[in-house]
Protein backbone atom coordinates (compact mmCIF):
# COMPACT_ATOMS: atom_id res chain seq x y z
CA MET A 1 -20.38 -35.03 -7.82
CA SER A 2 -18.73 -36.97 -4.98
CA GLU A 3 -16.81 -35.24 -2.18
CA GLN A 4 -13.58 -36.58 -3.67
CA ASP A 5 -14.50 -35.28 -7.14
CA GLY A 6 -15.43 -31.92 -5.62
CA SER A 7 -12.06 -31.64 -3.88
CA ALA A 8 -10.28 -32.50 -7.11
CA ALA A 9 -12.23 -29.78 -8.93
CA VAL A 10 -11.20 -27.26 -6.26
CA ARG A 11 -7.54 -28.26 -6.59
CA ASP A 12 -7.72 -27.96 -10.37
CA GLU A 13 -9.31 -24.50 -10.16
CA VAL A 14 -6.67 -23.24 -7.74
CA ALA A 15 -3.76 -24.75 -9.65
CA ALA A 16 -5.05 -23.23 -12.92
CA ALA A 17 -5.20 -19.68 -11.52
CA ARG A 18 -2.74 -17.44 -13.37
CA ARG A 19 -3.18 -14.07 -11.67
CA ILE A 20 -3.22 -14.36 -7.89
CA VAL A 21 -3.44 -11.89 -5.04
CA VAL A 22 -1.66 -13.11 -1.90
CA LYS A 23 -2.23 -11.33 1.40
CA VAL A 24 0.07 -11.85 4.38
CA GLY A 25 -0.47 -10.43 7.85
CA SER A 26 1.89 -8.77 10.30
CA SER A 27 2.02 -11.78 12.59
CA SER A 28 3.49 -13.89 9.77
CA LEU A 29 6.31 -11.44 9.08
CA THR A 30 7.44 -10.01 12.40
CA THR A 31 8.92 -11.06 15.70
CA ALA A 32 7.03 -10.81 18.97
CA ALA A 33 9.05 -7.67 19.74
CA GLY A 34 7.73 -5.97 16.63
CA GLY A 35 10.67 -6.08 14.22
CA LEU A 36 10.74 -7.75 10.83
CA ASP A 37 11.74 -11.39 10.86
CA ALA A 38 14.05 -11.71 7.85
CA ASP A 39 13.80 -15.50 7.85
CA ARG A 40 10.01 -15.37 7.65
CA VAL A 41 10.07 -12.84 4.84
CA ASP A 42 12.62 -14.92 2.93
CA ALA A 43 10.60 -18.10 3.43
CA LEU A 44 7.51 -16.45 1.94
CA VAL A 45 9.48 -15.00 -0.97
CA ASP A 46 11.05 -18.41 -1.64
CA VAL A 47 7.55 -19.74 -2.28
CA LEU A 48 6.23 -16.81 -4.28
CA ALA A 49 9.33 -16.57 -6.48
CA LYS A 50 8.94 -20.20 -7.46
CA PHE A 51 5.48 -19.50 -8.80
CA THR A 52 6.29 -16.24 -10.54
CA ASP A 53 9.25 -17.70 -12.39
CA GLY A 54 8.47 -19.16 -15.80
CA PRO A 55 8.47 -22.97 -16.15
CA GLY A 56 12.03 -24.15 -15.94
CA GLY A 57 13.22 -20.79 -14.56
CA PRO A 58 15.59 -20.39 -11.60
CA GLY A 59 12.92 -21.07 -9.01
CA GLY A 60 10.09 -22.73 -10.90
CA THR A 61 9.58 -26.27 -12.11
CA GLY A 62 6.99 -27.57 -14.53
CA ASP A 63 3.60 -25.86 -14.24
CA ALA A 64 4.40 -24.17 -10.93
CA GLY A 65 5.83 -21.06 -12.55
CA GLY A 66 4.43 -18.50 -14.90
CA LYS A 67 1.91 -16.97 -12.51
CA GLU A 68 1.39 -13.27 -11.86
CA ILE A 69 1.33 -12.49 -8.16
CA VAL A 70 0.29 -9.32 -6.39
CA LEU A 71 1.38 -9.33 -2.75
CA VAL A 72 -0.74 -7.39 -0.25
CA SER A 73 1.52 -7.16 2.76
CA SER A 74 0.85 -5.88 6.22
CA GLY A 75 3.74 -5.21 8.56
CA ALA A 76 4.71 -1.55 8.09
CA ILE A 77 3.52 -0.39 11.50
CA ALA A 78 4.79 -3.54 13.21
CA ALA A 79 8.20 -3.17 11.54
CA GLY A 80 8.49 0.40 12.78
CA LEU A 81 7.82 -0.35 16.45
CA ALA A 82 11.27 -1.54 17.54
CA PRO A 83 13.27 1.14 15.66
CA LEU A 84 11.16 3.82 17.36
CA GLY A 85 11.47 2.22 20.79
CA LEU A 86 7.79 1.30 20.98
CA GLU A 87 7.01 -1.86 22.93
CA ARG A 88 3.56 -2.38 21.41
CA ARG A 89 1.34 -1.08 18.65
CA PRO A 90 0.25 2.45 19.63
CA ARG A 91 -3.43 3.29 19.86
CA ASP A 92 -3.23 6.88 18.66
CA LEU A 93 -3.23 7.62 14.95
CA ALA A 94 -0.22 9.99 14.98
CA ARG A 95 2.18 7.40 16.41
CA GLN A 96 0.75 4.70 14.13
CA GLN A 97 1.52 6.95 11.18
CA ALA A 98 5.04 7.58 12.48
CA ALA A 99 5.65 3.85 12.90
CA ALA A 100 4.30 3.21 9.39
CA SER A 101 6.60 5.89 7.96
CA VAL A 102 9.66 4.16 9.42
CA GLY A 103 8.45 0.62 8.93
CA GLN A 104 7.23 0.86 5.33
CA GLY A 105 10.74 1.59 4.07
CA LEU A 106 12.14 -1.32 6.05
CA LEU A 107 9.41 -3.63 4.79
CA VAL A 108 9.91 -2.82 1.10
CA ALA A 109 13.70 -2.90 1.46
CA ARG A 110 13.44 -6.40 2.91
CA TYR A 111 11.18 -7.57 0.07
CA THR A 112 13.45 -5.90 -2.51
CA ALA A 113 16.52 -7.73 -1.19
CA SER A 114 14.69 -11.01 -0.83
CA PHE A 115 13.16 -11.05 -4.33
CA ALA A 116 16.51 -9.90 -5.77
CA ARG A 117 17.89 -13.33 -4.91
CA TYR A 118 15.70 -14.60 -7.76
CA GLY A 119 16.36 -11.70 -10.10
CA ARG A 120 12.89 -10.24 -9.49
CA ARG A 121 12.02 -6.59 -9.00
CA VAL A 122 9.30 -5.31 -6.75
CA GLY A 123 7.14 -2.20 -6.95
CA GLN A 124 5.58 -0.44 -3.98
CA VAL A 125 1.90 0.51 -4.25
CA LEU A 126 0.34 2.36 -1.30
CA LEU A 127 -3.43 2.82 -1.33
CA THR A 128 -6.13 4.60 0.66
CA THR A 129 -9.87 4.14 0.27
CA ASP A 130 -9.93 7.22 -1.98
CA ASP A 131 -7.89 5.20 -4.49
CA THR A 132 -10.65 2.62 -4.75
CA SER A 133 -13.72 4.79 -4.15
CA ARG A 134 -12.89 7.59 -6.62
CA ARG A 135 -13.23 6.34 -10.17
CA ALA A 136 -10.27 8.29 -11.57
CA HIS A 137 -8.01 7.03 -8.76
CA TYR A 138 -9.38 3.51 -9.26
CA ARG A 139 -8.45 3.53 -12.93
CA ASN A 140 -4.99 4.87 -12.14
CA ALA A 141 -4.39 2.14 -9.55
CA THR A 142 -5.54 -0.50 -12.03
CA ARG A 143 -3.21 0.78 -14.74
CA THR A 144 -0.23 0.91 -12.38
CA LEU A 145 -0.73 -2.65 -11.14
CA ASP A 146 -1.34 -3.99 -14.64
CA GLN A 147 1.83 -2.30 -15.92
CA LEU A 148 3.96 -3.61 -13.07
CA LEU A 149 2.77 -7.15 -13.79
CA ALA A 150 3.31 -6.70 -17.53
CA MET A 151 6.90 -5.64 -16.85
CA GLY A 152 7.58 -8.67 -14.68
CA ALA A 153 7.64 -6.87 -11.33
CA VAL A 154 5.91 -8.07 -8.18
CA PRO A 155 3.61 -5.34 -6.79
CA ILE A 156 3.82 -4.99 -3.00
CA VAL A 157 0.55 -3.39 -1.91
CA ASN A 158 -0.18 -1.92 1.50
CA GLU A 159 -2.55 0.62 2.96
CA ASN A 160 -0.94 4.05 3.05
CA ASP A 161 -0.94 4.21 6.84
CA THR A 162 1.42 7.20 6.83
CA VAL A 163 -1.23 9.60 5.54
CA ALA A 164 -4.52 7.72 5.96
CA THR A 165 -6.90 9.11 8.56
CA ASP A 166 -9.58 7.19 10.42
CA GLU A 167 -12.14 8.44 7.92
CA ILE A 168 -10.29 7.11 4.85
CA ARG A 169 -8.80 3.86 6.13
CA PHE A 170 -9.61 0.35 4.95
CA GLY A 171 -9.19 -0.69 8.59
CA ASP A 172 -7.41 -3.93 7.73
CA ASN A 173 -5.49 -5.35 4.80
CA ASP A 174 -7.81 -8.33 4.43
CA ARG A 175 -10.55 -6.14 2.99
CA LEU A 176 -7.95 -4.27 0.94
CA ALA A 177 -6.78 -7.59 -0.51
CA ALA A 178 -10.32 -8.53 -1.55
CA LEU A 179 -10.74 -5.21 -3.33
CA VAL A 180 -7.32 -5.49 -4.99
CA ALA A 181 -8.23 -8.98 -6.21
CA HIS A 182 -11.24 -7.48 -7.94
CA LEU A 183 -9.27 -4.47 -9.15
CA VAL A 184 -6.65 -6.60 -10.94
CA ARG A 185 -9.20 -9.20 -12.13
CA ALA A 186 -7.47 -11.95 -10.16
CA ASP A 187 -8.26 -15.63 -10.64
CA LEU A 188 -7.64 -16.37 -6.96
CA LEU A 189 -7.17 -14.68 -3.59
CA VAL A 190 -4.96 -16.39 -1.00
CA LEU A 191 -5.23 -15.10 2.58
CA LEU A 192 -2.28 -16.17 4.72
CA SER A 193 -2.62 -16.16 8.49
CA ASP A 194 -1.07 -17.77 11.55
CA VAL A 195 -3.93 -20.31 11.55
CA ASP A 196 -4.19 -23.06 8.92
CA GLY A 197 -7.81 -22.32 7.99
CA LEU A 198 -11.24 -21.55 9.35
CA TYR A 199 -12.40 -23.73 12.23
CA ASP A 200 -15.88 -24.34 13.61
CA GLY A 201 -14.70 -22.90 16.93
CA ASP A 202 -11.53 -21.83 18.68
CA PRO A 203 -8.81 -24.00 17.02
CA ARG A 204 -7.05 -24.22 20.39
CA THR A 205 -10.07 -25.98 21.90
CA PRO A 206 -10.17 -29.79 21.66
CA GLY A 207 -12.94 -31.11 19.47
CA THR A 208 -12.99 -28.29 16.93
CA SER A 209 -12.33 -29.08 13.29
CA ARG A 210 -11.21 -27.23 10.20
CA ILE A 211 -13.85 -26.29 7.64
CA ALA A 212 -12.49 -27.49 4.29
CA GLU A 213 -14.90 -25.66 1.98
CA VAL A 214 -17.44 -22.86 2.17
CA THR A 215 -19.96 -22.78 -0.66
CA GLY A 216 -22.01 -19.87 0.70
CA PRO A 217 -22.97 -17.89 3.82
CA LYS A 218 -25.26 -20.65 5.11
CA ASP A 219 -22.25 -22.94 5.56
CA LEU A 220 -21.10 -20.62 8.36
CA ASP A 221 -24.38 -20.55 10.28
CA GLY A 222 -23.63 -21.39 13.90
CA VAL A 223 -19.87 -21.12 13.42
CA SER A 224 -18.11 -19.10 16.12
CA ILE A 225 -15.49 -16.86 14.52
CA GLY A 226 -12.93 -15.26 16.83
CA SER A 227 -12.32 -11.54 16.50
CA ALA A 228 -8.72 -11.12 17.61
CA GLY A 229 -5.38 -12.20 16.22
CA ARG A 230 -2.83 -13.93 18.44
CA SER A 231 0.18 -11.71 18.03
CA GLY A 232 -1.11 -8.30 18.97
CA VAL A 233 0.84 -6.56 16.18
CA GLY A 234 -1.88 -6.56 13.52
CA THR A 235 -5.42 -5.24 13.24
CA GLY A 236 -7.21 -8.20 11.72
CA GLY A 237 -8.47 -11.48 13.08
CA MET A 238 -10.49 -14.31 11.60
CA VAL A 239 -13.56 -12.09 11.36
CA THR A 240 -11.86 -9.75 8.89
CA LYS A 241 -10.54 -12.66 6.85
CA VAL A 242 -13.96 -14.27 6.53
CA GLU A 243 -15.46 -10.91 5.59
CA ALA A 244 -12.73 -10.41 2.96
CA ALA A 245 -13.40 -13.91 1.62
CA ARG A 246 -17.11 -13.10 1.41
CA ILE A 247 -16.43 -9.88 -0.52
CA ALA A 248 -14.09 -11.58 -2.98
CA ALA A 249 -16.28 -14.65 -3.47
CA ALA A 250 -19.34 -12.46 -4.11
CA ALA A 251 -17.29 -10.64 -6.76
CA GLY A 252 -16.44 -13.89 -8.53
CA VAL A 253 -12.98 -14.49 -7.03
CA PRO A 254 -12.45 -17.81 -5.16
CA VAL A 255 -10.44 -17.69 -1.95
CA VAL A 256 -8.04 -19.95 -0.06
CA LEU A 257 -7.51 -19.17 3.62
CA THR A 258 -4.54 -20.94 5.20
CA SER A 259 -1.34 -20.36 7.16
CA ALA A 260 1.75 -18.67 5.76
CA SER A 261 3.72 -21.89 6.30
CA ARG A 262 1.42 -23.64 3.81
CA ALA A 263 1.46 -20.99 1.11
CA GLY A 264 3.15 -23.33 -1.35
CA ASP A 265 0.52 -26.04 -0.87
CA ALA A 266 -2.23 -23.46 -1.33
CA LEU A 267 -0.81 -22.17 -4.61
CA LEU A 268 -0.33 -25.70 -5.94
CA GLY A 269 -3.98 -26.53 -5.25
CA ARG A 270 -3.18 -29.11 -2.60
CA PRO A 271 -5.89 -29.69 0.04
CA THR A 272 -5.05 -27.16 2.71
CA GLY A 273 -6.87 -24.47 4.64
CA THR A 274 -10.40 -23.41 3.76
CA PHE A 275 -11.58 -22.88 0.20
CA PHE A 276 -14.33 -20.31 -0.37
CA HIS A 277 -16.21 -20.97 -3.59
CA ARG A 278 -17.22 -17.99 -5.68
CA THR A 279 -20.80 -17.02 -4.90
CA GLY A 280 -21.31 -14.33 -7.52
CA ARG A 281 -20.08 -13.06 -10.83
CA ARG A 282 -17.71 -10.22 -11.53
CA SER A 283 -19.66 -6.97 -11.33
CA ALA A 284 -18.96 -3.47 -12.56
CA ASP A 285 -15.88 -2.19 -10.79
CA ARG A 286 -17.61 0.83 -9.34
CA LEU A 287 -20.29 -1.26 -7.62
CA LEU A 288 -17.82 -3.29 -5.58
CA TRP A 289 -15.86 -0.28 -4.39
CA LEU A 290 -19.10 1.58 -3.78
CA ALA A 291 -20.33 -1.16 -1.46
CA HIS A 292 -17.10 -2.01 0.36
CA ALA A 293 -14.53 0.75 -0.06
CA SER A 294 -16.31 4.06 -0.32
CA ALA A 295 -16.70 6.26 2.74
CA PRO A 296 -20.11 7.96 2.63
CA ARG A 297 -19.84 11.74 2.81
CA GLY A 298 -23.46 12.11 3.92
CA ALA A 299 -26.84 10.42 4.02
CA LEU A 300 -30.28 10.67 2.44
CA THR A 301 -33.34 9.40 4.28
CA LEU A 302 -35.91 7.78 1.96
CA ASP A 303 -39.63 7.39 2.50
CA ASP A 304 -41.09 3.88 2.48
CA GLY A 305 -42.06 4.00 -1.19
CA ALA A 306 -38.60 5.08 -2.26
CA VAL A 307 -37.00 2.31 -0.17
CA ARG A 308 -39.14 -0.29 -1.94
CA ALA A 309 -38.36 1.22 -5.34
CA VAL A 310 -34.60 1.30 -4.73
CA VAL A 311 -34.22 -2.02 -2.88
CA GLU A 312 -36.83 -4.23 -4.56
CA ARG A 313 -37.21 -2.77 -8.03
CA ARG A 314 -33.62 -1.44 -8.26
CA THR A 315 -34.74 1.91 -9.66
CA SER A 316 -33.01 5.27 -9.49
CA LEU A 317 -33.65 7.56 -6.53
CA LEU A 318 -35.80 10.57 -7.45
CA PRO A 319 -36.22 13.77 -5.41
CA ALA A 320 -39.83 12.88 -4.58
CA GLY A 321 -38.68 9.92 -2.48
CA ILE A 322 -36.30 11.84 -0.22
CA ALA A 323 -37.43 12.75 3.30
CA ALA A 324 -34.25 14.29 4.75
CA VAL A 325 -30.58 15.01 4.04
CA GLU A 326 -27.52 15.23 6.29
CA GLY A 327 -23.80 15.79 5.86
CA GLU A 328 -21.68 17.95 3.60
CA PHE A 329 -21.01 16.51 0.16
CA THR A 330 -20.70 17.55 -3.45
CA ALA A 331 -22.03 16.04 -6.65
CA GLY A 332 -20.24 12.77 -7.37
CA ASP A 333 -19.61 11.87 -3.72
CA PRO A 334 -20.81 8.55 -2.26
CA VAL A 335 -23.77 8.87 0.10
CA GLU A 336 -25.68 6.42 2.25
CA LEU A 337 -29.37 5.82 1.58
CA ARG A 338 -31.36 5.09 4.73
CA ASP A 339 -34.89 4.05 5.58
CA THR A 340 -37.04 6.03 8.02
CA GLU A 341 -35.61 4.06 10.95
CA GLY A 342 -32.04 5.06 10.08
CA ARG A 343 -30.91 1.73 8.62
CA ALA A 344 -28.58 1.88 5.63
CA VAL A 345 -30.27 0.13 2.69
CA ALA A 346 -28.10 1.29 -0.21
CA ARG A 347 -25.17 3.46 -1.22
CA GLY A 348 -24.80 5.59 -4.29
CA LEU A 349 -23.11 8.49 -6.06
CA VAL A 350 -25.18 11.63 -5.65
CA ASN A 351 -25.81 14.01 -8.54
CA PHE A 352 -26.32 17.14 -6.45
CA ASP A 353 -24.48 19.07 -3.75
CA ALA A 354 -25.83 18.73 -0.21
CA LYS A 355 -26.91 22.36 -0.14
CA GLU A 356 -29.08 21.86 -3.25
CA ILE A 357 -31.07 18.91 -1.98
CA PRO A 358 -33.34 20.53 0.65
CA ARG A 359 -35.27 22.43 -2.04
CA LEU A 360 -35.64 19.20 -4.06
CA ILE A 361 -37.10 17.06 -1.29
CA GLY A 362 -40.50 15.55 -2.06
CA ARG A 363 -40.86 17.23 -5.44
CA SER A 364 -41.23 15.71 -8.90
CA THR A 365 -38.52 16.14 -11.51
CA ARG A 366 -41.04 17.73 -13.88
CA GLU A 367 -41.94 20.37 -11.32
CA LEU A 368 -38.27 21.05 -10.58
CA ALA A 369 -37.47 21.38 -14.27
CA ARG A 370 -40.23 23.98 -14.73
CA GLU A 371 -39.07 26.02 -11.74
CA LEU A 372 -35.29 25.57 -11.72
CA GLY A 373 -34.41 24.54 -15.25
CA PRO A 374 -33.78 21.31 -17.23
CA ALA A 375 -30.62 20.50 -15.24
CA TYR A 376 -32.88 19.50 -12.34
CA GLU A 377 -34.90 17.00 -14.34
CA ARG A 378 -32.69 14.09 -13.36
CA GLU A 379 -32.21 11.46 -10.68
CA VAL A 380 -30.61 12.28 -7.35
CA VAL A 381 -28.84 8.91 -7.56
CA HIS A 382 -28.91 7.00 -10.85
CA ARG A 383 -29.45 3.24 -10.64
CA ASP A 384 -26.17 2.62 -12.47
CA ASP A 385 -24.35 4.39 -9.63
CA LEU A 386 -26.25 2.67 -6.83
CA VAL A 387 -25.67 -0.56 -4.93
CA VAL A 388 -28.13 -2.18 -2.54
CA LEU A 389 -26.58 -3.22 0.76
CA HIS A 390 -27.31 -6.59 2.33
CA THR A 391 -28.76 -5.62 5.70
């Protein structure tokens, strides 16, 4: 396939996507002073409404309409800065939560008014990592988003910064967007930034060039990726966007990374930004959240034989392979599996409470069943609830 044919195939794949997750950052929605920029919000909604309208509808023409769009929007904390008299994003969690409390209402009100111009309703969905790492919460979030889309509403998703603590935060909405794309079984993830794609260096430096396509991790070898955004009102930079693209692509969701001003071109499949090809297939829901969204409640140290069994042969973890336990957790919690040097090699859902494990360490399941009963003749972490980490 020629380069031209490859580009055409990319455009066709993007244009054919029906369910799309779009993520927009704070810097694309707010002023330098920290307040919402109504014109920027309206400009983004003008584009999205065109694609969510049916063909021939009030905003759509031809094949542009008829798509289902989930919008993952940052901006709550940034929107709350000016009303609270804050000159910059606070560092402490309490004031961040206060700013989010004020700003989230302003953000959704602005989206509600803007989409109303096209006769579209919006629904607010606030998530924490518990909503993607706990299976019951995960299913509830999936049902809510599916129902909103089925009823013609546009879900506006954000991290629940008002109540989230450091221990249960996604950290940035780029990673949240990748997980939401998997959660709603999206055909495409579009990451909107203040930069028109991924460059092979600082885009402000002469001689750097935009990377049009990424087919896998090796394409980024030697590429310098900046860590900070330009505006100072958000938490993410290019590093978080590339990591989000990697997560989504590995889960079978292709990604377009471009600027908010080129959102329309991206959704039409026109050559813009950087296109990340899918590198994997859609996996079981629980494995993606286990790897990227769950917060380990503790850790199990494995001996060398257990590490090989778990990592290379993808077997379950048995009590005989455990060397040590730390943390306070209960059965069903996610835990980190480490080698003897303390490196995390896997993550899984544990079948025992932390206080039970010390008497299981190094013993066979048959021995434990004889002494403690048949309930102890089982895996500490079953292979179906275990994901190997790429270290």
